[in-house]
Amino acid sequence: MSTPVLQLQGVHTHIGAYHILHGVDLAVPAGQVTMLLGRNGAGKSTTLRTIMGLWATSQGSVHFKGRQIGGPRLEAGRPAGSGQLTTPDIAQLGIAYVPEAMGIFTDLTVQENMVLAARSARRAAELDTTRLEWIFGLFPALKKFWLYPAGKLSGGQKQMLAVARAIVEPRELILIDEPSKGLAPSIINNLIDAFRQLKAQNTTILLVEQNFQMAKALGDGVAVMDNGRIVHAGAMGELAEDESMQHRLLGLSLGAHQ
């Protein structure tokens, strides 16, 4: 089995008075697509936000490539809170995050959104043209609307831009929250192709998704959440072939999602 590039051990997250994550254990192998599934409210989005440092880890630890990036303590003897890196620090390590709300700047052009997402470019002329053409090949609409305000794009085009911003430069790990939500099947197929190409480049992906067919098409491994805990982890193929397991863990059957 591939060495985990990301590992959560006993992670608890509190948001105000609410205890959302209850001891999450999750290993994301390098170079694979790991699906994070579960019913609405299970804690999937909170898990991604905790990894990115948007919510603090109140107990347990988050490690990326062996380095602790989240947790109440970095090491014994240091003050509480010293183990939690800031979100910008975590992003600088090579982790990109595509939130469910997409996180694009609607008043800026597509071009300006891409430049802002690139760490090594301050203007469009400094973007990696080879990589940009590859992105245009995945999402031709972005080239067509390059100088248009992002707020005027369709829902599917905005999702394409959100993903494109995350991959404008190579990242070792990408966290993506429900990219197919509300999208037409043709756009979902574009996203599947994009994620497959990223995986072929040895990019590790942790993907929250409600569309079981997309999960089945992409996932190498799967973790299922319920009530703020991981209740199942294994091969995606095993879950895809077991209707009783799907019903027990997710409340669905494979037949209903074909």
C-alpha atoms as a PDB file:
ATOM      1  CA  MET A   1       0.000   0.000   0.000  1.00  0.00           C
ATOM      2  CA  SER A   2       1.222   3.493  -0.836  1.00  0.00           C
ATOM      3  CA  THR A   3       2.614   5.619   1.989  1.00  0.00           C
ATOM      4  CA  PRO A   4       0.028   8.152   3.236  1.00  0.00           C
ATOM      5  CA  VAL A   5       0.784  11.684   2.127  1.00  0.00           C
ATOM      6  CA  LEU A   6      -1.892  12.921   4.538  1.00  0.00           C
ATOM      7  CA  GLN A   7      -2.816  11.383   7.862  1.00  0.00           C
ATOM      8  CA  LEU A   8      -5.376  12.382  10.475  1.00  0.00           C
ATOM      9  CA  GLN A   9      -5.123  10.704  13.865  1.00  0.00           C
ATOM     10  CA  GLY A  10      -7.828  11.082  16.490  1.00  0.00           C
ATOM     11  CA  VAL A  11      -8.908  14.484  15.154  1.00  0.00           C
ATOM     12  CA  HIS A  12     -11.576  16.377  17.062  1.00  0.00           C
ATOM     13  CA  THR A  13     -12.956  19.703  15.854  1.00  0.00           C
ATOM     14  CA  HIS A  14     -15.162  22.090  17.793  1.00  0.00           C
ATOM     15  CA  ILE A  15     -16.962  24.991  16.133  1.00  0.00           C
ATOM     16  CA  GLY A  16     -18.103  27.240  18.933  1.00  0.00           C
ATOM     17  CA  ALA A  17     -20.099  25.104  21.336  1.00  0.00           C
ATOM     18  CA  TYR A  18     -20.560  22.343  18.764  1.00  0.00           C
ATOM     19  CA  HIS A  19     -18.393  19.207  18.718  1.00  0.00           C
ATOM     20  CA  ILE A  20     -18.334  18.266  15.004  1.00  0.00           C
ATOM     21  CA  LEU A  21     -15.497  15.758  14.495  1.00  0.00           C
ATOM     22  CA  HIS A  22     -15.129  12.958  17.039  1.00  0.00           C
ATOM     23  CA  GLY A  23     -11.741  11.293  16.686  1.00  0.00           C
ATOM     24  CA  VAL A  24     -11.326  11.110  12.896  1.00  0.00           C
ATOM     25  CA  ASP A  25      -8.665   8.665  11.686  1.00  0.00           C
ATOM     26  CA  LEU A  26      -7.933   8.983   7.968  1.00  0.00           C
ATOM     27  CA  ALA A  27      -4.985   8.012   5.765  1.00  0.00           C
ATOM     28  CA  VAL A  28      -4.727   9.349   2.209  1.00  0.00           C
ATOM     29  CA  PRO A  29      -2.199   7.379   0.113  1.00  0.00           C
ATOM     30  CA  ALA A  30       0.146   9.300  -2.169  1.00  0.00           C
ATOM     31  CA  GLY A  31      -0.740   9.426  -5.865  1.00  0.00           C
ATOM     32  CA  GLN A  32      -4.267   8.101  -5.399  1.00  0.00           C
ATOM     33  CA  VAL A  33      -7.811   9.443  -5.379  1.00  0.00           C
ATOM     34  CA  THR A  34      -9.455   8.920  -2.011  1.00  0.00           C
ATOM     35  CA  MET A  35     -13.198   9.486  -1.817  1.00  0.00           C
ATOM     36  CA  LEU A  36     -14.681  10.882   1.393  1.00  0.00           C
ATOM     37  CA  LEU A  37     -18.342   9.891   1.412  1.00  0.00           C
ATOM     38  CA  GLY A  38     -21.217  10.113   3.843  1.00  0.00           C
ATOM     39  CA  ARG A  39     -24.683  11.465   4.400  1.00  0.00           C
ATOM     40  CA  ASN A  40     -25.310  15.217   4.638  1.00  0.00           C
ATOM     41  CA  GLY A  41     -24.025  16.582   7.932  1.00  0.00           C
ATOM     42  CA  ALA A  42     -21.638  13.703   8.547  1.00  0.00           C
ATOM     43  CA  GLY A  43     -18.623  16.002   8.897  1.00  0.00           C
ATOM     44  CA  LYS A  44     -16.984  15.718   5.467  1.00  0.00           C
ATOM     45  CA  SER A  45     -16.656  19.439   4.738  1.00  0.00           C
ATOM     46  CA  THR A  46     -15.512  20.097   8.299  1.00  0.00           C
ATOM     47  CA  THR A  47     -12.784  17.497   7.798  1.00  0.00           C
ATOM     48  CA  LEU A  48     -11.446  19.331   4.732  1.00  0.00           C
ATOM     49  CA  ARG A  49     -11.627  22.681   6.482  1.00  0.00           C
ATOM     50  CA  THR A  50      -9.814  21.242   9.491  1.00  0.00           C
ATOM     51  CA  ILE A  51      -7.023  19.902   7.280  1.00  0.00           C
ATOM     52  CA  MET A  52      -6.629  23.388   5.778  1.00  0.00           C
ATOM     53  CA  GLY A  53      -6.533  25.031   9.191  1.00  0.00           C
ATOM     54  CA  LEU A  54      -9.777  26.936   8.628  1.00  0.00           C
ATOM     55  CA  TRP A  55     -11.077  25.189  11.750  1.00  0.00           C
ATOM     56  CA  ALA A  56      -8.603  24.394  14.522  1.00  0.00           C
ATOM     57  CA  THR A  57      -7.901  20.802  15.554  1.00  0.00           C
ATOM     58  CA  SER A  58      -8.921  20.713  19.217  1.00  0.00           C
ATOM     59  CA  GLN A  59      -7.532  17.221  19.781  1.00  0.00           C
ATOM     60  CA  GLY A  60      -5.475  14.793  17.707  1.00  0.00           C
ATOM     61  CA  SER A  61      -3.115  15.612  14.850  1.00  0.00           C
ATOM     62  CA  VAL A  62      -2.934  16.220  11.097  1.00  0.00           C
ATOM     63  CA  HIS A  63       0.277  15.276   9.270  1.00  0.00           C
ATOM     64  CA  PHE A  64       1.265  16.084   5.686  1.00  0.00           C
ATOM     65  CA  LYS A  65       4.278  14.180   4.341  1.00  0.00           C
ATOM     66  CA  GLY A  66       5.245  13.356   7.908  1.00  0.00           C
ATOM     67  CA  ARG A  67       5.078  16.959   9.117  1.00  0.00           C
ATOM     68  CA  GLN A  68       2.470  17.970  11.644  1.00  0.00           C
ATOM     69  CA  ILE A  69       0.300  20.757  10.250  1.00  0.00           C
ATOM     70  CA  GLY A  70      -2.645  20.583  12.638  1.00  0.00           C
ATOM     71  CA  GLY A  71      -3.225  19.838  16.287  1.00  0.00           C
ATOM     72  CA  PRO A  72      -3.279  21.485  19.698  1.00  0.00           C
ATOM     73  CA  ARG A  73       0.394  20.667  20.256  1.00  0.00           C
ATOM     74  CA  LEU A  74       3.333  20.427  17.891  1.00  0.00           C
ATOM     75  CA  GLU A  75       5.513  18.618  20.398  1.00  0.00           C
ATOM     76  CA  ALA A  76       5.675  17.945  24.136  1.00  0.00           C
ATOM     77  CA  GLY A  77       6.479  20.985  26.223  1.00  0.00           C
ATOM     78  CA  ARG A  78       5.256  23.568  23.726  1.00  0.00           C
ATOM     79  CA  PRO A  79       2.178  25.693  24.445  1.00  0.00           C
ATOM     80  CA  ALA A  80      -1.277  24.627  23.310  1.00  0.00           C
ATOM     81  CA  GLY A  81      -2.054  25.841  19.802  1.00  0.00           C
ATOM     82  CA  SER A  82       1.543  25.693  18.610  1.00  0.00           C
ATOM     83  CA  GLY A  83       0.826  22.659  16.448  1.00  0.00           C
ATOM     84  CA  GLN A  84      -1.674  24.406  14.183  1.00  0.00           C
ATOM     85  CA  LEU A  85      -0.221  26.019  11.070  1.00  0.00           C
ATOM     86  CA  THR A  86      -2.144  28.867   9.467  1.00  0.00           C
ATOM     87  CA  THR A  87      -4.098  28.268   6.266  1.00  0.00           C
ATOM     88  CA  PRO A  88      -1.597  30.242   4.118  1.00  0.00           C
ATOM     89  CA  ASP A  89       1.268  28.220   5.605  1.00  0.00           C
ATOM     90  CA  ILE A  90      -0.546  24.984   4.784  1.00  0.00           C
ATOM     91  CA  ALA A  91      -1.201  26.135   1.211  1.00  0.00           C
ATOM     92  CA  GLN A  92       2.486  26.979   0.811  1.00  0.00           C
ATOM     93  CA  LEU A  93       3.360  23.348   1.532  1.00  0.00           C
ATOM     94  CA  GLY A  94       1.676  22.306  -1.722  1.00  0.00           C
ATOM     95  CA  ILE A  95      -1.933  21.702  -0.667  1.00  0.00           C
ATOM     96  CA  ALA A  96      -4.792  23.201  -2.687  1.00  0.00           C
ATOM     97  CA  TYR A  97      -8.411  23.415  -1.568  1.00  0.00           C
ATOM     98  CA  VAL A  98     -11.554  23.746  -3.671  1.00  0.00           C
ATOM     99  CA  PRO A  99     -14.443  24.515  -1.286  1.00  0.00           C
ATOM    100  CA  GLU A 100     -18.052  23.651  -2.005  1.00  0.00           C
ATOM    101  CA  ALA A 101     -18.707  27.383  -2.429  1.00  0.00           C
ATOM    102  CA  MET A 102     -15.950  27.387  -5.131  1.00  0.00           C
ATOM    103  CA  GLY A 103     -14.003  30.292  -3.616  1.00  0.00           C
ATOM    104  CA  ILE A 104     -13.671  32.338  -6.805  1.00  0.00           C
ATOM    105  CA  PHE A 105     -13.658  36.144  -7.009  1.00  0.00           C
ATOM    106  CA  THR A 106     -16.762  37.025  -8.995  1.00  0.00           C
ATOM    107  CA  ASP A 107     -15.807  40.668  -9.643  1.00  0.00           C
ATOM    108  CA  LEU A 108     -12.454  39.680 -11.148  1.00  0.00           C
ATOM    109  CA  THR A 109     -11.875  38.216 -14.603  1.00  0.00           C
ATOM    110  CA  VAL A 110     -11.047  34.566 -15.160  1.00  0.00           C
ATOM    111  CA  GLN A 111      -7.486  35.651 -15.893  1.00  0.00           C
ATOM    112  CA  GLU A 112      -7.213  37.649 -12.665  1.00  0.00           C
ATOM    113  CA  ASN A 113      -8.598  34.724 -10.658  1.00  0.00           C
ATOM    114  CA  MET A 114      -5.915  32.450 -12.102  1.00  0.00           C
ATOM    115  CA  VAL A 115      -3.092  34.915 -11.421  1.00  0.00           C
ATOM    116  CA  LEU A 116      -4.205  35.310  -7.804  1.00  0.00           C
ATOM    117  CA  ALA A 117      -4.123  31.541  -7.360  1.00  0.00           C
ATOM    118  CA  ALA A 118      -0.568  31.227  -8.704  1.00  0.00           C
ATOM    119  CA  ARG A 119       2.159  31.599  -6.098  1.00  0.00           C
ATOM    120  CA  SER A 120       4.922  32.226  -8.638  1.00  0.00           C
ATOM    121  CA  ALA A 121       3.146  34.742 -10.899  1.00  0.00           C
ATOM    122  CA  ARG A 122       2.138  38.335 -10.291  1.00  0.00           C
ATOM    123  CA  ARG A 123       0.750  38.922 -13.767  1.00  0.00           C
ATOM    124  CA  ALA A 124      -0.763  36.783 -16.519  1.00  0.00           C
ATOM    125  CA  ALA A 125       2.428  36.879 -18.608  1.00  0.00           C
ATOM    126  CA  GLU A 126       4.229  35.039 -15.796  1.00  0.00           C
ATOM    127  CA  LEU A 127       1.849  32.063 -15.745  1.00  0.00           C
ATOM    128  CA  ASP A 128       3.260  28.755 -16.979  1.00  0.00           C
ATOM    129  CA  THR A 129       1.960  28.772 -20.561  1.00  0.00           C
ATOM    130  CA  THR A 130       2.373  25.026 -21.045  1.00  0.00           C
ATOM    131  CA  ARG A 131       0.350  24.263 -17.961  1.00  0.00           C
ATOM    132  CA  LEU A 132      -2.199  26.925 -18.882  1.00  0.00           C
ATOM    133  CA  GLU A 133      -2.747  25.352 -22.310  1.00  0.00           C
ATOM    134  CA  TRP A 134      -3.204  21.987 -20.601  1.00  0.00           C
ATOM    135  CA  ILE A 135      -5.876  23.557 -18.377  1.00  0.00           C
ATOM    136  CA  PHE A 136      -7.554  25.112 -21.426  1.00  0.00           C
ATOM    137  CA  GLY A 137      -7.601  21.650 -22.980  1.00  0.00           C
ATOM    138  CA  LEU A 138      -9.489  20.367 -19.932  1.00  0.00           C
ATOM    139  CA  PHE A 139     -11.801  23.371 -19.692  1.00  0.00           C
ATOM    140  CA  PRO A 140     -12.066  25.174 -23.071  1.00  0.00           C
ATOM    141  CA  ALA A 141     -14.673  27.606 -21.707  1.00  0.00           C
ATOM    142  CA  LEU A 142     -12.021  29.242 -19.526  1.00  0.00           C
ATOM    143  CA  LYS A 143     -10.000  30.206 -22.591  1.00  0.00           C
ATOM    144  CA  LYS A 144     -13.112  31.537 -24.314  1.00  0.00           C
ATOM    145  CA  PHE A 145     -14.068  33.672 -21.313  1.00  0.00           C
ATOM    146  CA  TRP A 146     -10.510  34.512 -20.212  1.00  0.00           C
ATOM    147  CA  LEU A 147     -11.212  38.247 -19.917  1.00  0.00           C
ATOM    148  CA  TYR A 148     -14.788  37.972 -18.686  1.00  0.00           C
ATOM    149  CA  PRO A 149     -15.799  38.631 -15.048  1.00  0.00           C
ATOM    150  CA  ALA A 150     -16.016  35.288 -13.258  1.00  0.00           C
ATOM    151  CA  GLY A 151     -19.404  36.248 -11.856  1.00  0.00           C
ATOM    152  CA  LYS A 152     -20.892  36.061 -15.370  1.00  0.00           C
ATOM    153  CA  LEU A 153     -19.893  32.436 -15.887  1.00  0.00           C
ATOM    154  CA  SER A 154     -22.429  29.633 -15.649  1.00  0.00           C
ATOM    155  CA  GLY A 155     -22.429  27.381 -12.581  1.00  0.00           C
ATOM    156  CA  GLY A 156     -20.485  24.704 -14.413  1.00  0.00           C
ATOM    157  CA  GLN A 157     -17.953  27.196 -15.737  1.00  0.00           C
ATOM    158  CA  LYS A 158     -17.443  28.606 -12.235  1.00  0.00           C
ATOM    159  CA  GLN A 159     -16.725  25.098 -10.978  1.00  0.00           C
ATOM    160  CA  MET A 160     -14.219  24.625 -13.787  1.00  0.00           C
ATOM    161  CA  LEU A 161     -12.536  27.880 -12.745  1.00  0.00           C
ATOM    162  CA  ALA A 162     -12.443  26.801  -9.111  1.00  0.00           C
ATOM    163  CA  VAL A 163     -10.668  23.564 -10.053  1.00  0.00           C
ATOM    164  CA  ALA A 164      -8.399  25.379 -12.516  1.00  0.00           C
ATOM    165  CA  ARG A 165      -7.289  27.788  -9.791  1.00  0.00           C
ATOM    166  CA  ALA A 166      -6.292  24.820  -7.630  1.00  0.00           C
ATOM    167  CA  ILE A 167      -4.185  23.276 -10.405  1.00  0.00           C
ATOM    168  CA  VAL A 168      -2.731  26.419 -12.024  1.00  0.00           C
ATOM    169  CA  GLU A 169       0.568  25.271 -10.511  1.00  0.00           C
ATOM    170  CA  PRO A 170       1.529  21.720  -9.532  1.00  0.00           C
ATOM    171  CA  ARG A 171       0.216  20.721  -6.108  1.00  0.00           C
ATOM    172  CA  GLU A 172       1.027  17.549  -4.233  1.00  0.00           C
ATOM    173  CA  LEU A 173      -2.397  17.296  -2.609  1.00  0.00           C
ATOM    174  CA  ILE A 174      -5.773  18.699  -3.660  1.00  0.00           C
ATOM    175  CA  LEU A 175      -8.830  18.736  -1.391  1.00  0.00           C
ATOM    176  CA  ILE A 176     -12.083  19.118  -3.333  1.00  0.00           C
ATOM    177  CA  ASP A 177     -15.551  19.498  -1.822  1.00  0.00           C
ATOM    178  CA  GLU A 178     -18.498  18.246  -3.923  1.00  0.00           C
ATOM    179  CA  PRO A 179     -17.374  19.473  -7.354  1.00  0.00           C
ATOM    180  CA  SER A 180     -20.250  17.861  -9.261  1.00  0.00           C
ATOM    181  CA  LYS A 181     -23.055  19.448  -7.241  1.00  0.00           C
ATOM    182  CA  GLY A 182     -25.689  20.850  -9.586  1.00  0.00           C
ATOM    183  CA  LEU A 183     -23.661  20.237 -12.748  1.00  0.00           C
ATOM    184  CA  ALA A 184     -24.747  18.721 -16.063  1.00  0.00           C
ATOM    185  CA  PRO A 185     -23.443  15.220 -16.880  1.00  0.00           C
ATOM    186  CA  SER A 186     -21.197  16.529 -19.667  1.00  0.00           C
ATOM    187  CA  ILE A 187     -19.418  18.892 -17.261  1.00  0.00           C
ATOM    188  CA  ILE A 188     -19.097  16.129 -14.676  1.00  0.00           C
ATOM    189  CA  ASN A 189     -17.378  14.020 -17.336  1.00  0.00           C
ATOM    190  CA  ASN A 190     -14.944  16.904 -17.943  1.00  0.00           C
ATOM    191  CA  LEU A 191     -14.148  17.003 -14.245  1.00  0.00           C
ATOM    192  CA  ILE A 192     -13.613  13.240 -14.123  1.00  0.00           C
ATOM    193  CA  ASP A 193     -11.181  13.507 -17.030  1.00  0.00           C
ATOM    194  CA  ALA A 194      -9.348  16.385 -15.318  1.00  0.00           C
ATOM    195  CA  PHE A 195      -8.985  14.483 -12.060  1.00  0.00           C
ATOM    196  CA  ARG A 196      -7.751  11.384 -13.893  1.00  0.00           C
ATOM    197  CA  GLN A 197      -5.088  13.452 -15.637  1.00  0.00           C
ATOM    198  CA  LEU A 198      -4.038  14.958 -12.307  1.00  0.00           C
ATOM    199  CA  LYS A 199      -3.723  11.491 -10.824  1.00  0.00           C
ATOM    200  CA  ALA A 200      -1.570  10.454 -13.806  1.00  0.00           C
ATOM    201  CA  GLN A 201       0.743  13.331 -12.831  1.00  0.00           C
ATOM    202  CA  ASN A 202       1.051  11.752  -9.357  1.00  0.00           C
ATOM    203  CA  THR A 203      -1.185  14.335  -7.696  1.00  0.00           C
ATOM    204  CA  THR A 204      -2.958  13.054  -4.602  1.00  0.00           C
ATOM    205  CA  ILE A 205      -6.659  13.924  -4.358  1.00  0.00           C
ATOM    206  CA  LEU A 206      -9.063  13.804  -1.409  1.00  0.00           C
ATOM    207  CA  LEU A 207     -12.529  14.247  -2.878  1.00  0.00           C
ATOM    208  CA  VAL A 208     -15.849  14.758  -1.093  1.00  0.00           C
ATOM    209  CA  GLU A 209     -18.655  13.754  -3.410  1.00  0.00           C
ATOM    210  CA  GLN A 210     -22.358  12.857  -3.283  1.00  0.00           C
ATOM    211  CA  ASN A 211     -22.498  11.554  -6.863  1.00  0.00           C
ATOM    212  CA  PHE A 212     -21.835   7.843  -6.377  1.00  0.00           C
ATOM    213  CA  GLN A 213     -21.147   7.224 -10.062  1.00  0.00           C
ATOM    214  CA  MET A 214     -18.417   9.871 -10.014  1.00  0.00           C
ATOM    215  CA  ALA A 215     -17.005   8.336  -6.838  1.00  0.00           C
ATOM    216  CA  LYS A 216     -17.055   4.899  -8.454  1.00  0.00           C
ATOM    217  CA  ALA A 217     -15.347   6.186 -11.608  1.00  0.00           C
ATOM    218  CA  LEU A 218     -12.535   7.996  -9.798  1.00  0.00           C
ATOM    219  CA  GLY A 219     -11.892   6.477  -6.422  1.00  0.00           C
ATOM    220  CA  ASP A 220      -9.009   4.198  -5.551  1.00  0.00           C
ATOM    221  CA  GLY A 221      -9.855   4.213  -1.870  1.00  0.00           C
ATOM    222  CA  VAL A 222     -12.861   5.349   0.122  1.00  0.00           C
ATOM    223  CA  ALA A 223     -13.590   6.520   3.646  1.00  0.00           C
ATOM    224  CA  VAL A 224     -17.176   6.853   4.841  1.00  0.00           C
ATOM    225  CA  MET A 225     -18.142   9.293   7.583  1.00  0.00           C
ATOM    226  CA  ASP A 226     -21.086   9.269   9.946  1.00  0.00           C
ATOM    227  CA  ASN A 227     -21.680  11.565  12.907  1.00  0.00           C
ATOM    228  CA  GLY A 228     -18.191  13.030  12.767  1.00  0.00           C
ATOM    229  CA  ARG A 229     -16.349   9.700  12.618  1.00  0.00           C
ATOM    230  CA  ILE A 230     -14.862   7.453   9.951  1.00  0.00           C
ATOM    231  CA  VAL A 231     -17.029   4.334  10.047  1.00  0.00           C
ATOM    232  CA  HIS A 232     -15.558   2.524   7.036  1.00  0.00           C
ATOM    233  CA  ALA A 233     -12.329   2.656   5.058  1.00  0.00           C
ATOM    234  CA  GLY A 234     -11.242   0.421   2.206  1.00  0.00           C
ATOM    235  CA  ALA A 235     -11.082   0.020  -1.564  1.00  0.00           C
ATOM    236  CA  MET A 236     -13.614   1.978  -3.617  1.00  0.00           C
ATOM    237  CA  GLY A 237     -14.162  -1.060  -5.849  1.00  0.00           C
ATOM    238  CA  GLU A 238     -15.265  -3.127  -2.871  1.00  0.00           C
ATOM    239  CA  LEU A 239     -17.919  -0.595  -1.891  1.00  0.00           C
ATOM    240  CA  ALA A 240     -19.032  -0.153  -5.519  1.00  0.00           C
ATOM    241  CA  GLU A 241     -19.751  -3.877  -5.822  1.00  0.00           C
ATOM    242  CA  ASP A 242     -21.572  -4.318  -2.504  1.00  0.00           C
ATOM    243  CA  GLU A 243     -25.112  -2.922  -2.565  1.00  0.00           C
ATOM    244  CA  SER A 244     -25.845  -3.963   1.003  1.00  0.00           C
ATOM    245  CA  MET A 245     -22.766  -2.067   2.206  1.00  0.00           C
ATOM    246  CA  GLN A 246     -23.830   1.000   0.207  1.00  0.00           C
ATOM    247  CA  HIS A 247     -27.269   0.894   1.785  1.00  0.00           C
ATOM    248  CA  ARG A 248     -25.880   0.395   5.290  1.00  0.00           C
ATOM    249  CA  LEU A 249     -23.226   3.114   5.054  1.00  0.00           C
ATOM    250  CA  LEU A 250     -24.783   5.641   2.684  1.00  0.00           C
ATOM    251  CA  GLY A 251     -28.468   4.867   2.537  1.00  0.00           C
ATOM    252  CA  LEU A 252     -28.367   4.177  -1.200  1.00  0.00           C
ATOM    253  CA  SER A 253     -28.150   1.301  -3.621  1.00  0.00           C
ATOM    254  CA  LEU A 254     -25.888   1.060  -6.647  1.00  0.00           C
ATOM    255  CA  GLY A 255     -28.863   0.427  -8.891  1.00  0.00           C
ATOM    256  CA  ALA A 256     -30.345   3.809  -8.029  1.00  0.00           C
ATOM    257  CA  HIS A 257     -27.192   5.588  -9.190  1.00  0.00           C
ATOM    258  CA  GLN A 258     -26.564   3.964 -12.551  1.00  0.00           C
END
